[in-house]
Amino acid sequence: MKRRPIVVLGAAVTLALAVVAAGCGGDESASGGDGEKLTLRIGFSAALSGAYAAYDVPLLNGMEFAAQEINAAGGDVTVEIVSKDNKGDQTQTLTTAQELLDEEVTIQVMTTADAGPAVAQLVSEAGGIISVGGNTAPSIVRDGGERTFAFVFGDNQQASAGAEHACDKGYKSVYMLGSPEIPYTKDMTGFFADAFAEICGGEVVGEDTFKIGQTEFGPAVTKIQNASPAPDVIFSPIFVPDSGAFLKQLRSAGVEAPFISTDGNDSSLFVDSGGSAVDGTVYSTHGFNSPGDPIEDFIAAYTEWKGDPPESNTFEAIGRDNVYAFVEAAKAAGSTEADALLEAVLALTDLPLLTGTTSMNAETRMPDKEVTLVLMKGTEFTLLEKITPSYIAPAG
């Protein structure tokens, strides 16, 4: 999910708007009665320009790919994606979300730009439902209300996976770097610390903050250099391009402690911004293109459709999965009416998606699914492992 300087996601992240199933009231296409096809309209108030476009454009491309694939295959549900550019602006995000509602697009997917909870509340009050798209902060689902949900894992889950990896490596102490500006960078350090302590008795030996979009990390690096005792590992949910700048300065200062991070770095921008300094980084994400993995086939089909490969490592897949999950729910409900669709979404079980087999937790409105860990070998992205954490830090 993205932040102010560029993308995410990752992770990431903050929030916005999304999928819309059409057909309110007496729209027969929404009811599926008498064997008629269902028409599922999914709305996306997206940052198609501005800083957040690095996340929302891939997300939208994945959604549009899914729609054409589903429609070409035929079947019970026809999908229409309705998108509007919010330019990453909070006021414009709310305006475009309302425009979608005025067009009776009541099933939506959030943008990674700011104003997410406000958009979710707007959609909910209008009787719609909203997926958080690529946003992973559990607080976004909570703050959005009971008609908001996620198809991606939560930050508490990915931070716990990172903590379990740290424990498996024998690390006992961590230095953490977070930012209070958004839930993604604010809450993740707490989730990591909780899981690190619970899983292997790991301790936090130092903490500092950064400002999203900053380019100078000298003071933070100096504090890490002077930390006593020196940490076994550094954890931060910092994301591209900030993460690359931080790692360059950290490694140039001679700090060699391992670095663990999160899905906001699952992008070629990580290497572009950090160069060789990204070597050894481990980060959590939603999937990995490896031989035999379904993502491999997705990338081939997407590239043939688009004429270019995906821009991100997973955001197109997340967009694709949002659409497929809504379609499966519509089939189960026999309807694209918002209330029926919401009930079916929260009942989804063992749904195979590119980003992992998904079972929804109706209480948290978030899925139970595995986390992928990626290891940077030099500037190459390599699959480390796929993990379901033995302990997951509470999201509350």
Foldseek 3Di string as FASTA:
>chain_A
DDDQQAEDVVDDAAFFKFFFAADDDPDPLQQCPPVAAHEGEMEEAEQCAHRHVLQRVLLVLLQVLLQVVDVVVDDRYHYHYHYDHQNLDQVSRQVVLVVCVVVRRLETEMYRHHPHLVSLCVSVVSVGAYERQSHAALVSQVSSDLRYFYAAHHLLFFLLVLLVVCVVVVWAEEEEEFAPPHRQRNCNVVSNQVNNCVVHNHYYQYYYYDDPPDLDCVVVLVCQVPGVPRGQAYEGQHAPPNQLSVLQVNVVVVNDRAYEYESNHQALRNCVNNPQSQAFYKYKDQAACDPPQPVVVVQVSSCVVPVHGRRGGPSSQSSNQVNVLLVVLCVVQSGSRRVSSSVSSQQDAQCDGSRAGWHHPSVSSYTQGWMWMWHQHRNDTDTDDIDRRPDGRDSD
